[in-house]
Protein backbone atom coordinates (compact mmCIF):
# COMPACT_ATOMS: atom_id res chain seq x y z
CA MET A 1 0.00 0.00 0.00
CA PRO A 2 1.40 3.46 -0.89
CA PHE A 3 1.10 4.75 2.70
CA LEU A 4 3.95 2.58 3.97
CA ALA A 5 7.23 4.38 4.47
CA GLY A 6 10.10 2.83 2.62
CA ARG A 7 8.06 1.03 -0.02
CA ILE A 8 5.77 2.47 -2.64
CA ARG A 9 3.30 0.13 -4.28
CA THR A 10 0.49 1.03 -6.61
CA GLY A 11 -2.91 -0.50 -6.22
CA ARG A 12 -4.61 -1.98 -3.24
CA GLY A 13 -5.10 -5.69 -2.78
CA ARG A 14 -7.61 -7.50 -0.65
CA VAL A 15 -6.35 -9.98 1.90
CA PRO A 16 -8.56 -12.90 2.93
CA ALA A 17 -11.12 -11.85 5.49
CA LEU A 18 -9.74 -14.10 8.22
CA ALA A 19 -6.18 -12.86 7.75
CA ALA A 20 -7.30 -9.24 7.77
CA THR A 21 -9.38 -9.77 10.87
CA LEU A 22 -6.44 -11.41 12.60
CA ALA A 23 -4.16 -8.56 11.55
CA CYS A 24 -6.62 -6.06 12.99
CA ALA A 25 -6.80 -7.96 16.27
CA LEU A 26 -3.02 -8.09 16.54
CA VAL A 27 -2.20 -4.48 15.70
CA ALA A 28 -5.23 -2.67 17.08
CA PRO A 29 -6.73 -4.49 20.07
CA GLY A 30 -9.73 -2.76 21.54
CA LEU A 31 -10.28 -0.43 18.61
CA ASN A 32 -13.68 -0.21 17.02
CA GLY A 33 -13.87 -2.44 13.96
CA CYS A 34 -11.59 -3.41 11.10
CA ALA A 35 -12.23 -2.98 7.39
CA ALA A 36 -11.63 -6.62 6.44
CA GLU A 37 -13.28 -7.49 3.13
CA PRO A 38 -16.45 -5.35 3.43
CA GLU A 39 -19.65 -6.75 2.00
CA PRO A 40 -20.65 -5.59 -1.49
CA GLY A 41 -22.70 -2.43 -1.21
CA THR A 42 -20.89 -1.33 1.94
CA VAL A 43 -18.79 1.84 2.11
CA THR A 44 -16.35 1.91 5.02
CA VAL A 45 -15.15 5.10 6.69
CA LEU A 46 -12.24 5.50 9.12
CA ASN A 47 -12.86 8.53 11.34
CA SER A 48 -12.47 9.86 14.88
CA ALA A 49 -16.16 9.94 15.82
CA THR A 50 -15.68 7.99 19.06
CA ASP A 51 -18.11 10.17 21.00
CA THR A 52 -21.49 8.42 20.96
CA ALA A 53 -23.43 11.55 20.02
CA GLU A 54 -21.02 12.44 17.22
CA HIS A 55 -20.95 8.85 15.95
CA THR A 56 -24.75 8.75 15.87
CA ALA A 57 -24.99 12.12 14.13
CA ASN A 58 -22.46 10.99 11.54
CA GLN A 59 -24.36 7.78 10.92
CA ARG A 60 -27.56 9.71 10.33
CA PHE A 61 -25.92 11.64 7.50
CA PHE A 62 -24.16 8.55 6.16
CA ASP A 63 -27.45 6.66 6.04
CA ARG A 64 -29.13 9.59 4.32
CA CYS A 65 -26.45 9.58 1.64
CA GLY A 66 -26.01 5.83 1.26
CA LYS A 67 -29.59 4.59 1.03
CA PRO A 68 -30.55 6.33 -2.25
CA PHE A 69 -27.71 4.39 -3.90
CA GLY A 70 -28.44 1.14 -2.11
CA LEU A 71 -25.30 1.53 -0.02
CA ARG A 72 -24.66 0.92 3.66
CA VAL A 73 -22.00 3.10 5.30
CA GLU A 74 -20.00 1.60 8.16
CA GLN A 75 -17.90 3.76 10.49
CA ILE A 76 -14.68 2.58 12.07
CA SER A 77 -13.96 5.17 14.77
CA VAL A 78 -10.78 5.62 16.78
CA PRO A 79 -9.46 8.57 18.85
CA ALA A 80 -8.28 11.47 16.71
CA ASP A 81 -4.64 11.11 17.74
CA GLN A 82 -4.70 7.48 16.54
CA ILE A 83 -6.18 8.04 13.09
CA ALA A 84 -2.89 8.33 11.22
CA SER A 85 -1.27 5.29 12.86
CA LYS A 86 -4.47 3.27 12.50
CA ALA A 87 -4.67 4.12 8.79
CA LEU A 88 -1.05 3.06 8.31
CA ARG A 89 -1.64 -0.24 10.07
CA MET A 90 -4.75 -0.93 8.01
CA ALA A 91 -2.86 -0.06 4.85
CA SER A 92 -0.14 -2.56 5.76
CA SER A 93 -2.73 -5.33 5.74
CA ASP A 94 -4.44 -3.99 2.58
CA SER A 95 -7.62 -3.34 4.55
CA LEU A 96 -7.84 0.45 4.46
CA THR A 97 -11.33 1.88 4.35
CA ASP A 98 -13.05 3.34 1.28
CA ILE A 99 -13.11 6.82 2.83
CA LEU A 100 -10.38 8.13 5.10
CA GLU A 101 -11.30 11.08 7.33
CA LEU A 102 -8.38 12.74 9.06
CA ASP A 103 -7.28 16.10 10.37
CA GLY A 104 -6.35 18.50 7.58
CA SER A 105 -2.85 18.88 9.02
CA GLU A 106 -2.27 15.13 8.56
CA LEU A 107 -3.30 15.02 4.90
CA PRO A 108 0.13 15.82 3.38
CA GLN A 109 1.83 12.74 4.83
CA PHE A 110 -0.73 10.54 3.07
CA ALA A 111 -1.00 12.52 -0.15
CA GLN A 112 2.78 12.54 -0.54
CA THR A 113 2.79 8.76 -0.92
CA GLU A 114 0.46 8.94 -3.94
CA GLY A 115 -1.94 6.65 -2.11
CA LEU A 116 -4.93 9.01 -2.43
CA ARG A 117 -7.00 9.80 -5.48
CA PRO A 118 -7.06 13.44 -6.59
CA LEU A 119 -10.69 14.39 -6.02
CA ASP A 120 -11.13 15.94 -9.44
CA ASP A 121 -9.99 12.67 -11.06
CA VAL A 122 -12.71 10.60 -9.42
CA GLY A 123 -15.54 13.10 -9.74
CA VAL A 124 -15.84 14.60 -6.27
CA ASP A 125 -17.54 17.97 -6.71
CA THR A 126 -15.29 20.64 -5.20
CA SER A 127 -16.93 23.60 -6.94
CA GLY A 128 -17.99 26.50 -4.76
CA LEU A 129 -15.65 25.66 -1.89
CA SER A 130 -13.95 28.55 -0.11
CA ALA A 131 -10.28 29.05 -0.94
CA SER A 132 -9.31 28.28 2.65
CA ALA A 133 -11.28 25.02 2.59
CA LYS A 134 -9.61 23.97 -0.66
CA SER A 135 -6.24 24.71 0.86
CA LEU A 136 -7.05 22.54 3.89
CA GLY A 137 -7.61 19.52 1.64
CA SER A 138 -4.76 20.14 -0.79
CA TYR A 139 -1.19 19.00 -1.15
CA ASP A 140 1.26 20.35 -3.70
CA GLY A 141 -1.51 22.12 -5.59
CA THR A 142 -3.82 19.10 -5.87
CA GLN A 143 -6.95 18.58 -3.79
CA TYR A 144 -7.09 15.17 -2.14
CA GLY A 145 -9.51 15.87 0.71
CA ILE A 146 -12.84 17.63 1.14
CA ALA A 147 -14.12 19.12 4.38
CA ARG A 148 -17.83 19.25 5.15
CA SER A 149 -17.23 22.04 7.63
CA VAL A 150 -14.30 23.90 9.11
CA ASN A 151 -13.45 25.90 12.20
CA SER A 152 -11.08 28.60 13.31
CA LEU A 153 -10.54 30.92 16.25
CA ALA A 154 -12.16 34.15 17.38
CA LEU A 155 -12.29 36.51 20.34
CA ILE A 156 -15.03 35.43 22.75
CA TYR A 157 -15.92 37.95 25.42
CA ASN A 158 -18.07 38.40 28.52
CA THR A 159 -20.60 41.02 27.44
CA GLU A 160 -21.51 42.07 30.97
CA LEU A 161 -17.92 42.62 32.09
CA LEU A 162 -17.10 44.67 29.01
CA LYS A 163 -20.25 46.74 29.39
CA ASP A 164 -19.59 47.44 33.08
CA ALA A 165 -16.02 48.51 32.29
CA GLY A 166 -17.10 50.67 29.36
CA VAL A 167 -14.92 48.64 27.02
CA ALA A 168 -15.77 47.84 23.41
CA PRO A 169 -14.58 44.57 21.89
CA PRO A 170 -11.00 45.37 20.81
CA THR A 171 -10.17 45.30 17.12
CA THR A 172 -6.44 46.09 17.23
CA TRP A 173 -3.56 44.88 19.37
CA LYS A 174 -3.28 48.27 21.01
CA GLU A 175 -6.95 48.16 21.93
CA LEU A 176 -6.60 44.56 23.11
CA ARG A 177 -3.80 45.38 25.51
CA ALA A 178 -5.66 48.42 26.87
CA ALA A 179 -8.95 46.53 27.21
CA ALA A 180 -7.28 43.58 28.93
CA LYS A 181 -5.69 45.91 31.48
CA LYS A 182 -8.96 47.64 32.22
CA LEU A 183 -10.87 44.37 32.53
CA THR A 184 -8.38 42.82 34.95
CA ALA A 185 -9.68 43.06 38.51
CA GLY A 186 -9.68 40.79 41.54
CA ASP A 187 -9.63 37.16 40.43
CA THR A 188 -10.53 38.04 36.85
CA TYR A 189 -7.93 38.46 34.14
CA GLY A 190 -8.72 40.57 31.13
CA MET A 191 -7.48 38.01 28.63
CA ALA A 192 -7.00 34.25 28.40
CA PHE A 193 -5.34 32.15 25.73
CA SER A 194 -3.56 28.83 25.40
CA ALA A 195 0.23 28.88 25.18
CA SER A 196 0.72 25.20 25.94
CA PRO A 197 3.74 23.60 24.22
CA ASN A 198 1.64 21.55 21.82
CA ALA A 199 -0.91 21.84 19.02
CA ASP A 200 -3.37 23.83 21.15
CA GLY A 201 -0.87 26.56 21.93
CA VAL A 202 0.47 26.71 18.38
CA TYR A 203 -3.04 26.92 16.93
CA GLN A 204 -3.76 29.93 19.18
CA PHE A 205 -0.45 31.61 18.42
CA LEU A 206 -0.86 31.48 14.65
CA PRO A 207 -3.54 34.22 14.31
CA PHE A 208 -1.15 36.66 15.95
CA PHE A 209 1.97 35.37 14.17
CA TRP A 210 0.39 35.33 10.71
CA SER A 211 -1.53 38.59 11.11
CA ALA A 212 1.77 40.29 11.94
CA GLY A 213 3.37 38.96 8.78
CA GLY A 214 5.06 35.94 10.32
CA ASP A 215 6.02 33.24 7.84
CA GLU A 216 6.48 29.58 8.70
CA THR A 217 8.96 29.19 5.83
CA GLU A 218 11.14 31.97 7.28
CA ILE A 219 10.29 32.08 10.96
CA ASP A 220 12.89 34.73 11.78
CA ASN A 221 11.91 37.16 9.02
CA GLY A 222 11.62 39.95 11.61
CA LYS A 223 7.81 40.22 11.60
CA GLY A 224 6.68 37.47 13.96
CA GLU A 225 8.48 38.99 16.95
CA ALA A 226 5.63 41.46 17.44
CA ALA A 227 3.23 38.61 18.13
CA LEU A 228 5.51 37.15 20.78
CA GLN A 229 5.94 40.58 22.32
CA LEU A 230 2.16 41.06 22.51
CA TRP A 231 1.70 37.79 24.37
CA LYS A 232 4.61 38.66 26.64
CA ASP A 233 3.17 42.13 27.35
CA LEU A 234 -0.23 40.70 28.27
CA VAL A 235 1.38 38.42 30.83
CA THR A 236 3.81 41.05 32.11
CA ASP A 237 0.96 43.56 32.50
CA GLY A 238 -0.85 41.04 34.68
CA SER A 239 -3.71 41.06 32.15
CA ALA A 240 -3.20 37.37 31.41
CA SER A 241 -2.25 34.62 33.83
CA ARG A 242 1.26 33.23 33.83
CA SER A 243 -0.46 29.85 33.77
CA VAL A 244 -1.29 30.28 30.07
CA VAL A 245 1.89 28.29 29.36
CA ASN A 246 0.12 25.26 30.83
CA TRP A 247 -3.46 25.82 29.65
CA ASN A 248 -4.93 23.95 26.73
CA GLN A 249 -7.96 25.34 24.93
CA GLN A 250 -10.40 23.57 27.25
CA ASP A 251 -8.64 25.09 30.28
CA VAL A 252 -9.04 28.52 28.70
CA ASN A 253 -12.76 27.95 28.27
CA ASP A 254 -13.05 26.75 31.86
CA GLN A 255 -11.45 29.98 33.08
CA PHE A 256 -13.86 32.03 30.99
CA VAL A 257 -16.98 30.17 32.12
CA ALA A 258 -15.85 30.48 35.75
CA GLY A 259 -15.64 34.26 35.37
CA ARG A 260 -11.86 34.33 35.75
CA ALA A 261 -11.30 35.76 32.26
CA ALA A 262 -13.21 38.57 30.58
CA MET A 263 -12.01 37.67 27.06
CA MET A 264 -10.49 34.60 25.49
CA ILE A 265 -9.28 33.20 22.21
CA ASN A 266 -11.16 30.01 21.40
CA GLY A 267 -13.08 28.09 18.78
CA PRO A 268 -16.66 27.10 17.97
CA TRP A 269 -16.17 23.68 19.54
CA GLN A 270 -16.70 25.45 22.89
CA VAL A 271 -20.17 26.66 21.88
CA PRO A 272 -22.08 23.70 23.40
CA VAL A 273 -20.54 24.34 26.83
CA LEU A 274 -20.95 28.11 26.52
CA SER A 275 -24.58 27.73 25.49
CA ALA A 276 -25.38 25.28 28.28
CA GLN A 277 -24.14 27.47 31.13
CA LYS A 278 -26.14 30.43 32.42
CA ASP A 279 -23.57 32.40 34.43
CA VAL A 280 -21.78 34.20 31.60
CA ASP A 281 -23.42 36.08 28.75
CA TRP A 282 -21.03 35.84 25.83
CA ALA A 283 -20.51 37.10 22.31
CA VAL A 284 -18.00 36.53 19.53
CA ALA A 285 -15.84 39.08 17.70
CA SER A 286 -13.01 38.91 15.20
CA ILE A 287 -9.46 38.43 16.44
CA PRO A 288 -7.69 41.78 16.96
CA VAL A 289 -5.04 42.66 14.37
CA PRO A 290 -1.84 44.72 14.52
CA GLU A 291 -3.29 47.61 12.51
CA ALA A 292 -6.91 48.63 11.95
CA GLY A 293 -8.34 47.62 8.61
CA ASN A 294 -6.12 44.62 8.05
CA PRO A 295 -7.72 41.16 7.97
CA ALA A 296 -7.04 38.64 10.70
CA VAL A 297 -5.29 35.51 9.44
CA PRO A 298 -6.18 32.60 11.70
CA PRO A 299 -5.54 28.91 11.02
CA ILE A 300 -8.28 26.84 9.47
CA GLY A 301 -9.05 23.57 11.18
CA GLY A 302 -11.19 20.55 10.65
CA THR A 303 -11.18 17.12 9.12
CA VAL A 304 -11.10 16.22 5.45
CA MET A 305 -12.40 13.11 3.70
CA ALA A 306 -10.17 11.43 1.17
CA VAL A 307 -10.51 8.47 -1.22
CA PRO A 308 -7.68 5.93 -0.94
CA LYS A 309 -6.66 4.24 -4.17
CA ASN A 310 -8.31 0.89 -4.90
CA ASP A 311 -7.13 -0.28 -8.31
CA GLU A 312 -8.41 -3.82 -7.75
CA ASP A 313 -11.97 -2.77 -7.01
CA PRO A 314 -12.70 0.62 -8.62
CA ALA A 315 -16.42 0.18 -7.92
CA ARG A 316 -15.67 0.83 -4.26
CA GLU A 317 -14.06 4.16 -5.16
CA LYS A 318 -17.13 5.10 -7.19
CA ASN A 319 -19.40 4.30 -4.24
CA ALA A 320 -17.23 6.40 -1.94
CA VAL A 321 -17.50 9.34 -4.35
CA LYS A 322 -21.31 9.04 -4.40
CA VAL A 323 -21.40 9.29 -0.62
CA LEU A 324 -18.94 12.21 -0.52
CA ASN A 325 -20.87 14.24 -3.08
CA CYS A 326 -24.08 13.73 -1.13
CA LEU A 327 -22.47 14.64 2.20
CA ASN A 328 -21.16 17.85 0.65
CA SER A 329 -24.36 19.09 -0.92
CA GLU A 330 -25.25 22.59 0.25
CA LYS A 331 -28.19 21.28 2.29
CA ASN A 332 -26.20 18.56 4.05
CA GLN A 333 -23.21 20.81 4.70
CA LEU A 334 -25.47 23.41 6.26
CA GLN A 335 -27.23 20.89 8.50
CA TRP A 336 -23.98 19.22 9.48
CA GLY A 337 -22.30 22.55 10.24
CA ALA A 338 -25.19 23.58 12.46
CA SER A 339 -25.02 20.28 14.34
CA VAL A 340 -21.30 20.62 15.14
CA ASN A 341 -21.08 24.45 15.32
CA ASN A 342 -18.66 24.54 12.40
CA VAL A 343 -18.84 26.60 9.22
CA PRO A 344 -19.82 24.86 5.96
CA THR A 345 -17.17 24.98 3.25
CA ARG A 346 -19.41 25.76 0.28
CA ALA A 347 -19.67 29.55 0.07
CA THR A 348 -23.45 29.55 -0.32
CA ALA A 349 -23.89 27.23 2.64
CA ALA A 350 -21.52 29.35 4.74
CA GLN A 351 -23.57 32.47 3.98
CA ALA A 352 -26.76 30.69 4.99
CA TYR A 353 -25.04 29.45 8.15
CA ALA A 354 -24.10 32.99 9.17
CA LYS A 355 -27.70 34.16 8.71
CA GLN A 356 -29.08 31.25 10.71
CA ASN A 357 -26.47 31.61 13.48
CA PRO A 358 -25.90 35.36 13.88
CA LYS A 359 -24.10 34.88 17.18
CA LEU A 360 -21.42 32.90 15.34
CA THR A 361 -21.07 35.20 12.33
CA ALA A 362 -17.50 36.13 13.31
CA PHE A 363 -16.43 32.51 12.90
CA ALA A 364 -18.04 32.37 9.45
CA GLU A 365 -16.20 35.52 8.42
CA LEU A 366 -12.84 34.46 9.85
CA VAL A 367 -12.68 31.17 7.96
CA THR A 368 -12.70 33.15 4.71
CA THR A 369 -9.28 34.63 5.55
CA ALA A 370 -7.98 31.57 7.40
CA ARG A 371 -4.99 29.56 6.21
CA SER A 372 -4.04 25.92 6.32
CA ARG A 373 -1.10 25.14 8.56
CA THR A 374 0.39 22.86 5.94
CA ALA A 375 -0.20 25.05 2.86
CA LYS A 376 3.40 26.28 2.70
CA VAL A 377 5.42 23.59 4.44
CA GLY A 378 3.42 20.42 3.77
CA THR A 379 4.80 17.44 5.66
CA GLY A 380 7.25 19.76 7.41
CA TRP A 381 4.51 21.28 9.55
CA PRO A 382 5.06 19.15 12.70
CA VAL A 383 8.65 20.36 12.94
CA VAL A 384 7.60 23.97 12.37
CA GLY A 385 4.83 23.69 14.94
CA ASP A 386 7.24 22.35 17.56
CA ALA A 387 9.67 25.18 16.79
CA LEU A 388 6.98 27.82 17.25
CA ALA A 389 5.84 26.22 20.50
CA GLY A 390 9.36 26.37 21.83
CA ALA A 391 9.57 30.03 20.85
CA PHE A 392 6.52 31.30 22.71
CA GLN A 393 7.22 29.08 25.71
CA SER A 394 10.74 30.47 26.05
CA VAL A 395 9.55 34.07 25.75
CA LEU A 396 6.64 33.73 28.17
CA THR A 397 8.83 32.06 30.78
CA GLY A 398 11.46 34.77 30.43
CA ARG A 399 14.25 32.63 29.03
CA THR A 400 14.78 34.50 25.76
CA SER A 401 13.74 37.59 23.83
CA PRO A 402 11.28 37.34 20.92
CA GLU A 403 14.07 37.86 18.40
CA GLN A 404 16.28 35.18 19.94
CA ALA A 405 13.35 32.80 20.25
CA LEU A 406 12.36 32.99 16.59
CA HIS A 407 15.97 32.78 15.41
CA ARG A 408 16.34 29.59 17.41
CA ALA A 409 12.99 28.35 16.08
CA GLN A 410 14.18 28.83 12.51
CA GLN A 411 17.35 26.88 13.27
CA GLN A 412 15.24 24.10 14.80
CA ALA A 413 12.88 23.99 11.84
CA SER A 414 15.73 23.93 9.34
CA ALA A 415 17.52 21.15 11.20
CA GLY A 416 14.34 19.07 11.30
CA LYS A 417 13.69 19.14 7.56
């Protein structure tokens, strides 16, 4: 199978069902299912929908899209951080699913092996997708994955605290620093964000880094330092907790809901918790930018669905395409986006989403200027992400200056290529 490092093979064989089942039991004990010789008329999907509610919601859409074609869709769900390794193990036993759903940042490592079908080649309709959504599912200029919906980050604020302080939602960095100072009182910090040394912290740093002109291909180009300095100033001012270096995005939301932060950077995945609680009245605004009038450039996130090559049974590829095109109709994208609080990727569906969910309009607007983390560096993103994490951790803990931190990050990224 083309996904195996060190050996590139074209095509995709089918091992005997017993052997494939045994392979699954040996390499993935306890995981949900194994795509060993699916029945005719079955489309298998590997995804991370391990949560019962999400799995059920997914199945409802899969059934809706499979039944008109006489197809049954079967989900094989594992934790998100195990998707890539699970897919590689399944590929090694020639039992990979008909549809592979994985995080957009993981797509390049699979596309690079030439083990995925370009979507245009197999008839997946990608017309009308936003540029940012296309970028999320692309590698080296070719689109291999399609996202039903996407997410990004925004500024979420406590409307009551801002009103009482006479503070408007900040739109620039200068306003953000001033507002955070004014909103800091007692046990409440003006601002909260994640600066953990992992994907959460990097994801939250990117809107500031990119909006300032930072470039992951030239980390020390002299522009990203301003973003590090802003984060450092917020902590030094006492407007943000020193604990941000340990907080993940859920921790940030917990602080906000508990009233210990007047503003936070976070994503639409927090909406269910925010909507369920009654203590904090909240609203969403765009992420502040260095200079007024410039667009914010946040990262785009979400999963993409890809079609692995199956030269021995092309009918299975055709069935997968039928399901994908149905899932990504405007109607189904809109309904799916509403169910998971994410923005549909078809422009018309995204516009309808914003009208139906006015409280989340800022998220819908921000994904139009968002960028894929892997668009410029492809499979090199993990190394770059680690380098950036090291940079903001060292600055926030006082070990280095912004300039030194990004120079070291560039050295780290270059060495890791």
